[in-house]
Amino acid sequence: MKTNCSKFWLGLGLGSIIGVVAYRFSRSSKGMALKEKTNQVFHQIGDKAGDMIDSAKNKMANIGTKVADKVADEASNITEKADDIKNKVHNYAGNMKK
């Protein structure tokens, strides 16, 4: 039990010291400059991500229209073939009646 308790106090002490050092650094001029640069980078990344999302949406819309056009063309071809088959069947049936 004593080793666990001493590990706890040692961890608490080290964590407190590291926290004080981090707080002091964050309030220094170098820490403020680093914070400002970090914020600028995050804003640039956010702007670029928004642009990439917009670009992806536009590309997907273009692809969607191309796919729809191809499907419509194929459907038109199938309709023409079905009409040809229908006409052939009607002609054959008409010839059989004569």
C-alpha atoms as a PDB file:
ATOM      1  CA  MET A   1       0.000   0.000   0.000  1.00  0.00           C
ATOM      2  CA  LYS A   2       2.828   2.405   0.780  1.00  0.00           C
ATOM      3  CA  THR A   3       4.359   2.102  -2.696  1.00  0.00           C
ATOM      4  CA  ASN A   4       1.015   2.872  -4.349  1.00  0.00           C
ATOM      5  CA  CYS A   5       0.494   5.848  -2.069  1.00  0.00           C
ATOM      6  CA  SER A   6       3.998   7.163  -2.701  1.00  0.00           C
ATOM      7  CA  LYS A   7       3.521   6.736  -6.478  1.00  0.00           C
ATOM      8  CA  PHE A   8       0.355   8.781  -6.228  1.00  0.00           C
ATOM      9  CA  TRP A   9       2.082  11.638  -4.376  1.00  0.00           C
ATOM     10  CA  LEU A  10       5.048  11.524  -6.725  1.00  0.00           C
ATOM     11  CA  GLY A  11       2.726  11.685  -9.757  1.00  0.00           C
ATOM     12  CA  LEU A  12       0.713  14.489  -8.200  1.00  0.00           C
ATOM     13  CA  GLY A  13       3.866  16.492  -7.481  1.00  0.00           C
ATOM     14  CA  LEU A  14       5.336  15.990 -10.964  1.00  0.00           C
ATOM     15  CA  GLY A  15       2.007  16.800 -12.604  1.00  0.00           C
ATOM     16  CA  SER A  16       1.742  20.014 -10.585  1.00  0.00           C
ATOM     17  CA  ILE A  17       5.261  21.079 -11.530  1.00  0.00           C
ATOM     18  CA  ILE A  18       4.655  20.352 -15.212  1.00  0.00           C
ATOM     19  CA  GLY A  19       1.350  22.249 -15.019  1.00  0.00           C
ATOM     20  CA  VAL A  20       3.022  25.320 -13.493  1.00  0.00           C
ATOM     21  CA  VAL A  21       5.756  25.288 -16.149  1.00  0.00           C
ATOM     22  CA  ALA A  22       3.192  24.912 -18.943  1.00  0.00           C
ATOM     23  CA  TYR A  23       1.089  27.762 -17.517  1.00  0.00           C
ATOM     24  CA  ARG A  24       4.133  30.046 -17.264  1.00  0.00           C
ATOM     25  CA  PHE A  25       5.148  29.255 -20.832  1.00  0.00           C
ATOM     26  CA  SER A  26       1.627  29.864 -22.133  1.00  0.00           C
ATOM     27  CA  ARG A  27       1.631  33.334 -20.567  1.00  0.00           C
ATOM     28  CA  SER A  28       5.055  34.317 -21.936  1.00  0.00           C
ATOM     29  CA  SER A  29       5.478  36.231 -25.197  1.00  0.00           C
ATOM     30  CA  LYS A  30       6.818  33.116 -26.939  1.00  0.00           C
ATOM     31  CA  GLY A  31       3.845  31.121 -25.694  1.00  0.00           C
ATOM     32  CA  MET A  32       1.410  33.773 -26.928  1.00  0.00           C
ATOM     33  CA  ALA A  33       3.133  33.875 -30.329  1.00  0.00           C
ATOM     34  CA  LEU A  34       2.983  30.085 -30.580  1.00  0.00           C
ATOM     35  CA  LYS A  35      -0.720  30.163 -29.665  1.00  0.00           C
ATOM     36  CA  GLU A  36      -1.403  32.810 -32.332  1.00  0.00           C
ATOM     37  CA  LYS A  37       0.486  30.854 -35.007  1.00  0.00           C
ATOM     38  CA  THR A  38      -1.380  27.711 -34.040  1.00  0.00           C
ATOM     39  CA  ASN A  39      -4.720  29.500 -34.341  1.00  0.00           C
ATOM     40  CA  GLN A  40      -3.761  30.853 -37.781  1.00  0.00           C
ATOM     41  CA  VAL A  41      -2.788  27.389 -38.987  1.00  0.00           C
ATOM     42  CA  PHE A  42      -6.058  25.897 -37.742  1.00  0.00           C
ATOM     43  CA  HIS A  43      -8.057  28.624 -39.495  1.00  0.00           C
ATOM     44  CA  GLN A  44      -6.151  28.040 -42.745  1.00  0.00           C
ATOM     45  CA  ILE A  45      -6.772  24.318 -42.477  1.00  0.00           C
ATOM     46  CA  GLY A  46     -10.467  24.966 -41.847  1.00  0.00           C
ATOM     47  CA  ASP A  47     -10.710  27.276 -44.871  1.00  0.00           C
ATOM     48  CA  LYS A  48      -8.950  24.761 -47.111  1.00  0.00           C
ATOM     49  CA  ALA A  49     -11.167  21.961 -45.839  1.00  0.00           C
ATOM     50  CA  GLY A  50     -14.257  24.020 -46.693  1.00  0.00           C
ATOM     51  CA  ASP A  51     -12.907  24.670 -50.187  1.00  0.00           C
ATOM     52  CA  MET A  52     -12.149  20.976 -50.644  1.00  0.00           C
ATOM     53  CA  ILE A  53     -15.668  20.037 -49.559  1.00  0.00           C
ATOM     54  CA  ASP A  54     -17.190  22.513 -52.013  1.00  0.00           C
ATOM     55  CA  SER A  55     -14.963  21.189 -54.796  1.00  0.00           C
ATOM     56  CA  ALA A  56     -15.942  17.603 -53.970  1.00  0.00           C
ATOM     57  CA  LYS A  57     -19.642  18.539 -54.046  1.00  0.00           C
ATOM     58  CA  ASN A  58     -19.239  20.135 -57.475  1.00  0.00           C
ATOM     59  CA  LYS A  59     -17.345  17.117 -58.810  1.00  0.00           C
ATOM     60  CA  MET A  60     -19.999  14.745 -57.472  1.00  0.00           C
ATOM     61  CA  ALA A  61     -22.746  16.816 -59.102  1.00  0.00           C
ATOM     62  CA  ASN A  62     -20.895  16.686 -62.437  1.00  0.00           C
ATOM     63  CA  ILE A  63     -20.378  12.957 -62.133  1.00  0.00           C
ATOM     64  CA  GLY A  64     -24.048  12.497 -61.233  1.00  0.00           C
ATOM     65  CA  THR A  65     -25.196  14.316 -64.367  1.00  0.00           C
ATOM     66  CA  LYS A  66     -22.812  12.287 -66.551  1.00  0.00           C
ATOM     67  CA  VAL A  67     -24.109   9.033 -65.052  1.00  0.00           C
ATOM     68  CA  ALA A  68     -27.715  10.140 -65.531  1.00  0.00           C
ATOM     69  CA  ASP A  69     -26.990  10.998 -69.181  1.00  0.00           C
ATOM     70  CA  LYS A  70     -25.409   7.589 -69.788  1.00  0.00           C
ATOM     71  CA  VAL A  71     -28.319   5.795 -68.127  1.00  0.00           C
ATOM     72  CA  ALA A  72     -30.809   7.789 -70.217  1.00  0.00           C
ATOM     73  CA  ASP A  73     -28.885   6.973 -73.413  1.00  0.00           C
ATOM     74  CA  GLU A  74     -28.850   3.264 -72.594  1.00  0.00           C
ATOM     75  CA  ALA A  75     -32.548   3.348 -71.718  1.00  0.00           C
ATOM     76  CA  SER A  76     -33.230   5.023 -75.065  1.00  0.00           C
ATOM     77  CA  ASN A  77     -31.239   2.321 -76.888  1.00  0.00           C
ATOM     78  CA  ILE A  78     -33.140  -0.411 -75.061  1.00  0.00           C
ATOM     79  CA  THR A  79     -36.457   1.267 -75.927  1.00  0.00           C
ATOM     80  CA  GLU A  80     -35.497   1.402 -79.599  1.00  0.00           C
ATOM     81  CA  LYS A  81     -34.554  -2.279 -79.571  1.00  0.00           C
ATOM     82  CA  ALA A  82     -37.808  -3.181 -77.853  1.00  0.00           C
ATOM     83  CA  ASP A  83     -39.768  -1.230 -80.513  1.00  0.00           C
ATOM     84  CA  ASP A  84     -37.878  -3.054 -83.265  1.00  0.00           C
ATOM     85  CA  ILE A  85     -38.705  -6.414 -81.698  1.00  0.00           C
ATOM     86  CA  LYS A  86     -42.352  -5.392 -81.286  1.00  0.00           C
ATOM     87  CA  ASN A  87     -42.560  -4.363 -84.957  1.00  0.00           C
ATOM     88  CA  LYS A  88     -40.967  -7.637 -86.070  1.00  0.00           C
ATOM     89  CA  VAL A  89     -43.437  -9.657 -83.981  1.00  0.00           C
ATOM     90  CA  HIS A  90     -46.392  -7.685 -85.388  1.00  0.00           C
ATOM     91  CA  ASN A  91     -45.113  -8.136 -88.953  1.00  0.00           C
ATOM     92  CA  TYR A  92     -44.608 -11.870 -88.399  1.00  0.00           C
ATOM     93  CA  ALA A  93     -48.071 -12.203 -86.873  1.00  0.00           C
ATOM     94  CA  GLY A  94     -49.555 -10.230 -89.778  1.00  0.00           C
ATOM     95  CA  ASN A  95     -47.829 -12.477 -92.285  1.00  0.00           C
ATOM     96  CA  MET A  96     -49.115 -15.563 -90.513  1.00  0.00           C
ATOM     97  CA  LYS A  97     -52.733 -14.333 -90.749  1.00  0.00           C
ATOM     98  CA  LYS A  98     -52.568 -13.928 -94.526  1.00  0.00           C
END
